[in-house]
Amino acid sequence: AASGCLLGQPVRYNGGHAQDDFVQRL
């Protein structure tokens, strides 16, 4: 399970995401 923003979902306060390379690799 992971925070949606780390998976690239646009759910951050500014409408963006915080996609993480290692999480994406997983």
PDB file of all heavy atoms in Angstrom:
ATOM      1  N   ALA A   1       0.864  -1.174   0.000  1.00  0.00           N
ATOM      2  CA  ALA A   1       0.000   0.000   0.000  1.00  0.00           C
ATOM      3  C   ALA A   1       0.903   1.226   0.000  1.00  0.00           C
ATOM      4  O   ALA A   1       1.991   1.199   0.590  1.00  0.00           O
ATOM      5  CB  ALA A   1      -0.921   0.001   1.216  1.00  0.00           C
ATOM      6  N   ALA A   2       0.479   2.290  -0.665  1.00  0.00           N
ATOM      7  CA  ALA A   2       1.325   3.481  -0.756  1.00  0.00           C
ATOM      8  C   ALA A   2       0.480   4.732  -0.906  1.00  0.00           C
ATOM      9  O   ALA A   2      -0.636   4.694  -1.448  1.00  0.00           O
ATOM     10  CB  ALA A   2       2.295   3.373  -1.938  1.00  0.00           C
ATOM     11  N   SER A   3       1.020   5.842  -0.419  1.00  0.00           N
ATOM     12  CA  SER A   3       0.376   7.133  -0.638  1.00  0.00           C
ATOM     13  C   SER A   3       0.185   7.335  -2.134  1.00  0.00           C
ATOM     14  O   SER A   3       1.123   7.155  -2.925  1.00  0.00           O
ATOM     15  CB  SER A   3       1.234   8.258  -0.062  1.00  0.00           C
ATOM     16  OG  SER A   3       1.342   8.147   1.347  1.00  0.00           O
ATOM     17  N   GLY A   4      -1.037   7.709  -2.532  1.00  0.00           N
ATOM     18  CA  GLY A   4      -1.345   7.832  -3.955  1.00  0.00           C
ATOM     19  C   GLY A   4      -0.436   8.782  -4.688  1.00  0.00           C
ATOM     20  O   GLY A   4      -0.081   8.549  -5.851  1.00  0.00           O
ATOM     21  N   CYS A   5      -0.015   9.861  -4.034  1.00  0.00           N
ATOM     22  CA  CYS A   5       0.840  10.848  -4.705  1.00  0.00           C
ATOM     23  C   CYS A   5       2.172  10.245  -5.101  1.00  0.00           C
ATOM     24  O   CYS A   5       2.764  10.632  -6.121  1.00  0.00           O
ATOM     25  CB  CYS A   5       1.039  12.070  -3.818  1.00  0.00           C
ATOM     26  SG  CYS A   5       1.800  11.718  -2.214  1.00  0.00           S
ATOM     27  N   LEU A   6       2.675   9.268  -4.321  1.00  0.00           N
ATOM     28  CA  LEU A   6       3.947   8.620  -4.643  1.00  0.00           C
ATOM     29  C   LEU A   6       3.833   7.745  -5.869  1.00  0.00           C
ATOM     30  O   LEU A   6       4.824   7.457  -6.539  1.00  0.00           O
ATOM     31  CB  LEU A   6       4.444   7.794  -3.466  1.00  0.00           C
ATOM     32  CG  LEU A   6       4.705   8.543  -2.158  1.00  0.00           C
ATOM     33  CD1 LEU A   6       5.136   7.574  -1.067  1.00  0.00           C
ATOM     34  CD2 LEU A   6       5.776   9.617  -2.362  1.00  0.00           C
ATOM     35  N   LEU A   7       2.600   7.315  -6.170  1.00  0.00           N
ATOM     36  CA  LEU A   7       2.345   6.479  -7.342  1.00  0.00           C
ATOM     37  C   LEU A   7       1.995   7.313  -8.570  1.00  0.00           C
ATOM     38  O   LEU A   7       1.673   6.760  -9.622  1.00  0.00           O
ATOM     39  CB  LEU A   7       1.208   5.505  -7.039  1.00  0.00           C
ATOM     40  CG  LEU A   7       1.514   4.442  -5.977  1.00  0.00           C
ATOM     41  CD1 LEU A   7       0.243   3.748  -5.525  1.00  0.00           C
ATOM     42  CD2 LEU A   7       2.521   3.436  -6.505  1.00  0.00           C
ATOM     43  N   GLY A   8       2.059   8.639  -8.425  1.00  0.00           N
ATOM     44  CA  GLY A   8       1.794   9.510  -9.560  1.00  0.00           C
ATOM     45  C   GLY A   8       0.370  10.038  -9.635  1.00  0.00           C
ATOM     46  O   GLY A   8       0.012  10.719 -10.609  1.00  0.00           O
ATOM     47  N   GLN A   9      -0.451   9.735  -8.644  1.00  0.00           N
ATOM     48  CA  GLN A   9      -1.823  10.242  -8.662  1.00  0.00           C
ATOM     49  C   GLN A   9      -1.839  11.735  -8.307  1.00  0.00           C
ATOM     50  O   GLN A   9      -1.161  12.156  -7.361  1.00  0.00           O
ATOM     51  CB  GLN A   9      -2.699   9.456  -7.689  1.00  0.00           C
ATOM     52  CG  GLN A   9      -2.889   7.995  -8.055  1.00  0.00           C
ATOM     53  CD  GLN A   9      -3.832   7.277  -7.112  1.00  0.00           C
ATOM     54  OE1 GLN A   9      -4.208   7.789  -6.063  1.00  0.00           O
ATOM     55  NE2 GLN A   9      -4.217   6.061  -7.481  1.00  0.00           N
ATOM     56  N   PRO A  10      -2.629  12.555  -9.009  1.00  0.00           N
ATOM     57  CA  PRO A  10      -2.649  14.007  -8.774  1.00  0.00           C
ATOM     58  C   PRO A  10      -3.529  14.379  -7.584  1.00  0.00           C
ATOM     59  O   PRO A  10      -4.574  15.027  -7.727  1.00  0.00           O
ATOM     60  CB  PRO A  10      -3.211  14.557 -10.085  1.00  0.00           C
ATOM     61  CG  PRO A  10      -4.107  13.472 -10.579  1.00  0.00           C
ATOM     62  CD  PRO A  10      -3.455  12.175 -10.170  1.00  0.00           C
ATOM     63  N   VAL A  11      -3.108  13.979  -6.391  1.00  0.00           N
ATOM     64  CA  VAL A  11      -3.927  14.200  -5.198  1.00  0.00           C
ATOM     65  C   VAL A  11      -3.256  15.139  -4.197  1.00  0.00           C
ATOM     66  O   VAL A  11      -3.778  15.339  -3.102  1.00  0.00           O
ATOM     67  CB  VAL A  11      -4.239  12.848  -4.504  1.00  0.00           C
ATOM     68  CG1 VAL A  11      -5.159  12.006  -5.364  1.00  0.00           C
ATOM     69  CG2 VAL A  11      -2.955  12.085  -4.185  1.00  0.00           C
ATOM     70  N   ARG A  12      -2.150  15.753  -4.570  1.00  0.00           N
ATOM     71  CA  ARG A  12      -1.475  16.695  -3.683  1.00  0.00           C
ATOM     72  C   ARG A  12      -2.307  17.971  -3.537  1.00  0.00           C
ATOM     73  O   ARG A  12      -3.192  18.257  -4.342  1.00  0.00           O
ATOM     74  CB  ARG A  12      -0.089  17.036  -4.217  1.00  0.00           C
ATOM     75  CG  ARG A  12       0.871  15.851  -4.226  1.00  0.00           C
ATOM     76  CD  ARG A  12       1.570  15.705  -2.904  1.00  0.00           C
ATOM     77  NE  ARG A  12       2.605  16.730  -2.749  1.00  0.00           N
ATOM     78  CZ  ARG A  12       3.193  17.021  -1.596  1.00  0.00           C
ATOM     79  NH1 ARG A  12       2.819  16.409  -0.498  1.00  0.00           N
ATOM     80  NH2 ARG A  12       4.131  17.941  -1.531  1.00  0.00           N
ATOM     81  N   TYR A  13      -1.965  18.766  -2.532  1.00  0.00           N
ATOM     82  CA  TYR A  13      -2.718  19.996  -2.255  1.00  0.00           C
ATOM     83  C   TYR A  13      -2.765  20.937  -3.454  1.00  0.00           C
ATOM     84  O   TYR A  13      -3.723  21.677  -3.657  1.00  0.00           O
ATOM     85  CB  TYR A  13      -2.105  20.712  -1.047  1.00  0.00           C
ATOM     86  CG  TYR A  13      -0.736  21.312  -1.340  1.00  0.00           C
ATOM     87  CD1 TYR A  13      -0.598  22.630  -1.748  1.00  0.00           C
ATOM     88  CD2 TYR A  13       0.415  20.534  -1.224  1.00  0.00           C
ATOM     89  CE1 TYR A  13       0.647  23.169  -2.020  1.00  0.00           C
ATOM     90  CE2 TYR A  13       1.652  21.054  -1.505  1.00  0.00           C
ATOM     91  CZ  TYR A  13       1.771  22.378  -1.900  1.00  0.00           C
ATOM     92  OH  TYR A  13       3.006  22.907  -2.192  1.00  0.00           O
ATOM     93  N   ASN A  14      -1.718  20.891  -4.301  1.00  0.00           N
ATOM     94  CA  ASN A  14      -1.644  21.785  -5.459  1.00  0.00           C
ATOM     95  C   ASN A  14      -2.145  21.130  -6.740  1.00  0.00           C
ATOM     96  O   ASN A  14      -1.973  21.671  -7.835  1.00  0.00           O
ATOM     97  CB  ASN A  14      -0.205  22.261  -5.654  1.00  0.00           C
ATOM     98  CG  ASN A  14       0.782  21.105  -5.847  1.00  0.00           C
ATOM     99  OD1 ASN A  14       0.381  19.939  -5.868  1.00  0.00           O
ATOM    100  ND2 ASN A  14       2.060  21.423  -5.973  1.00  0.00           N
ATOM    101  N   GLY A  15      -2.750  19.963  -6.616  1.00  0.00           N
ATOM    102  CA  GLY A  15      -3.250  19.257  -7.790  1.00  0.00           C
ATOM    103  C   GLY A  15      -2.199  18.429  -8.502  1.00  0.00           C
ATOM    104  O   GLY A  15      -2.483  17.830  -9.540  1.00  0.00           O
ATOM    105  N   GLY A  16      -0.999  18.385  -7.945  1.00  0.00           N
ATOM    106  CA  GLY A  16       0.083  17.610  -8.560  1.00  0.00           C
ATOM    107  C   GLY A  16       0.298  16.293  -7.849  1.00  0.00           C
ATOM    108  O   GLY A  16      -0.567  15.795  -7.116  1.00  0.00           O
ATOM    109  N   HIS A  17       1.462  15.709  -8.069  1.00  0.00           N
ATOM    110  CA  HIS A  17       1.820  14.446  -7.428  1.00  0.00           C
ATOM    111  C   HIS A  17       3.243  14.534  -6.907  1.00  0.00           C
ATOM    112  O   HIS A  17       3.917  15.563  -7.064  1.00  0.00           O
ATOM    113  CB  HIS A  17       1.678  13.273  -8.407  1.00  0.00           C
ATOM    114  CG  HIS A  17       2.544  13.398  -9.642  1.00  0.00           C
ATOM    115  ND1 HIS A  17       3.902  13.190  -9.603  1.00  0.00           N
ATOM    116  CD2 HIS A  17       2.247  13.721 -10.921  1.00  0.00           C
ATOM    117  CE1 HIS A  17       4.417  13.363 -10.808  1.00  0.00           C
ATOM    118  NE2 HIS A  17       3.430  13.694 -11.632  1.00  0.00           N
ATOM    119  N   ALA A  18       3.703  13.481  -6.268  1.00  0.00           N
ATOM    120  CA  ALA A  18       5.076  13.411  -5.749  1.00  0.00           C
ATOM    121  C   ALA A  18       5.667  12.068  -6.147  1.00  0.00           C
ATOM    122  O   ALA A  18       6.255  11.367  -5.329  1.00  0.00           O
ATOM    123  CB  ALA A  18       5.085  13.596  -4.240  1.00  0.00           C
ATOM    124  N   GLN A  19       5.510  11.719  -7.411  1.00  0.00           N
ATOM    125  CA  GLN A  19       5.930  10.401  -7.895  1.00  0.00           C
ATOM    126  C   GLN A  19       7.378  10.114  -7.513  1.00  0.00           C
ATOM    127  O   GLN A  19       8.262  10.942  -7.720  1.00  0.00           O
ATOM    128  CB  GLN A  19       5.765  10.332  -9.410  1.00  0.00           C
ATOM    129  CG  GLN A  19       6.096   8.979 -10.012  1.00  0.00           C
ATOM    130  CD  GLN A  19       5.681   8.883 -11.466  1.00  0.00           C
ATOM    131  OE1 GLN A  19       4.512   8.986 -11.782  1.00  0.00           O
ATOM    132  NE2 GLN A  19       6.647   8.712 -12.346  1.00  0.00           N
ATOM    133  N   ASP A  20       7.586   8.939  -6.960  1.00  0.00           N
ATOM    134  CA  ASP A  20       8.903   8.549  -6.466  1.00  0.00           C
ATOM    135  C   ASP A  20       9.487   7.454  -7.348  1.00  0.00           C
ATOM    136  O   ASP A  20       8.807   6.470  -7.666  1.00  0.00           O
ATOM    137  CB  ASP A  20       8.788   8.051  -5.024  1.00  0.00           C
ATOM    138  CG  ASP A  20      10.125   7.656  -4.438  1.00  0.00           C
ATOM    139  OD1 ASP A  20      10.858   8.551  -3.999  1.00  0.00           O
ATOM    140  OD2 ASP A  20      10.436   6.446  -4.433  1.00  0.00           O
ATOM    141  N   ASP A  21      10.752   7.602  -7.717  1.00  0.00           N
ATOM    142  CA  ASP A  21      11.382   6.666  -8.657  1.00  0.00           C
ATOM    143  C   ASP A  21      11.446   5.247  -8.109  1.00  0.00           C
ATOM    144  O   ASP A  21      11.174   4.278  -8.833  1.00  0.00           O
ATOM    145  CB  ASP A  21      12.794   7.143  -9.018  1.00  0.00           C
ATOM    146  CG  ASP A  21      12.784   8.376  -9.908  1.00  0.00           C
ATOM    147  OD1 ASP A  21      11.724   8.683 -10.491  1.00  0.00           O
ATOM    148  OD2 ASP A  21      13.840   9.038 -10.022  1.00  0.00           O
ATOM    149  N   PHE A  22      11.807   5.107  -6.828  1.00  0.00           N
ATOM    150  CA  PHE A  22      11.928   3.754  -6.278  1.00  0.00           C
ATOM    151  C   PHE A  22      10.563   3.090  -6.166  1.00  0.00           C
ATOM    152  O   PHE A  22      10.411   1.899  -6.466  1.00  0.00           O
ATOM    153  CB  PHE A  22      12.609   3.783  -4.909  1.00  0.00           C
ATOM    154  CG  PHE A  22      12.816   2.420  -4.313  1.00  0.00           C
ATOM    155  CD1 PHE A  22      13.654   1.494  -4.919  1.00  0.00           C
ATOM    156  CD2 PHE A  22      12.148   2.046  -3.152  1.00  0.00           C
ATOM    157  CE1 PHE A  22      13.834   0.221  -4.378  1.00  0.00           C
ATOM    158  CE2 PHE A  22      12.322   0.779  -2.603  1.00  0.00           C
ATOM    159  CZ  PHE A  22      13.166  -0.134  -3.222  1.00  0.00           C
ATOM    160  N   VAL A  23       9.557   3.856  -5.752  1.00  0.00           N
ATOM    161  CA  VAL A  23       8.202   3.311  -5.687  1.00  0.00           C
ATOM    162  C   VAL A  23       7.741   2.875  -7.072  1.00  0.00           C
ATOM    163  O   VAL A  23       7.150   1.801  -7.244  1.00  0.00           O
ATOM    164  CB  VAL A  23       7.232   4.332  -5.081  1.00  0.00           C
ATOM    165  CG1 VAL A  23       5.797   3.814  -5.128  1.00  0.00           C
ATOM    166  CG2 VAL A  23       7.619   4.648  -3.637  1.00  0.00           C
ATOM    167  N   GLN A  24       8.032   3.685  -8.080  1.00  0.00           N
ATOM    168  CA  GLN A  24       7.671   3.311  -9.450  1.00  0.00           C
ATOM    169  C   GLN A  24       8.396   2.044  -9.880  1.00  0.00           C
ATOM    170  O   GLN A  24       7.833   1.181 -10.556  1.00  0.00           O
ATOM    171  CB  GLN A  24       7.994   4.460 -10.408  1.00  0.00           C
ATOM    172  CG  GLN A  24       7.096   5.675 -10.246  1.00  0.00           C
ATOM    173  CD  GLN A  24       5.632   5.348 -10.465  1.00  0.00           C
ATOM    174  OE1 GLN A  24       5.265   4.716 -11.450  1.00  0.00           O
ATOM    175  NE2 GLN A  24       4.790   5.781  -9.549  1.00  0.00           N
ATOM    176  N   ARG A  25       9.641   1.920  -9.479  1.00  0.00           N
ATOM    177  CA  ARG A  25      10.417   0.727  -9.829  1.00  0.00           C
ATOM    178  C   ARG A  25       9.802  -0.526  -9.219  1.00  0.00           C
ATOM    179  O   ARG A  25       9.817  -1.606  -9.825  1.00  0.00           O
ATOM    180  CB  ARG A  25      11.849   0.907  -9.337  1.00  0.00           C
ATOM    181  CG  ARG A  25      12.821  -0.174  -9.772  1.00  0.00           C
ATOM    182  CD  ARG A  25      14.196   0.111  -9.224  1.00  0.00           C
ATOM    183  NE  ARG A  25      15.145  -0.928  -9.554  1.00  0.00           N
ATOM    184  CZ  ARG A  25      16.350  -1.045  -9.004  1.00  0.00           C
ATOM    185  NH1 ARG A  25      16.734  -0.162  -8.091  1.00  0.00           N
ATOM    186  NH2 ARG A  25      17.164  -2.015  -9.348  1.00  0.00           N
ATOM    187  N   LEU A  26       9.230  -0.375  -8.028  1.00  0.00           N
ATOM    188  CA  LEU A  26       8.641  -1.525  -7.342  1.00  0.00           C
ATOM    189  C   LEU A  26       7.375  -2.023  -8.022  1.00  0.00           C
ATOM    190  O   LEU A  26       6.905  -3.122  -7.721  1.00  0.00           O
ATOM    191  CB  LEU A  26       8.338  -1.174  -5.882  1.00  0.00           C
ATOM    192  CG  LEU A  26       9.548  -1.021  -4.955  1.00  0.00           C
ATOM    193  CD1 LEU A  26       9.094  -0.677  -3.546  1.00  0.00           C
ATOM    194  CD2 LEU A  26      10.402  -2.282  -4.950  1.00  0.00           C
TER     195      LEU A  26
END
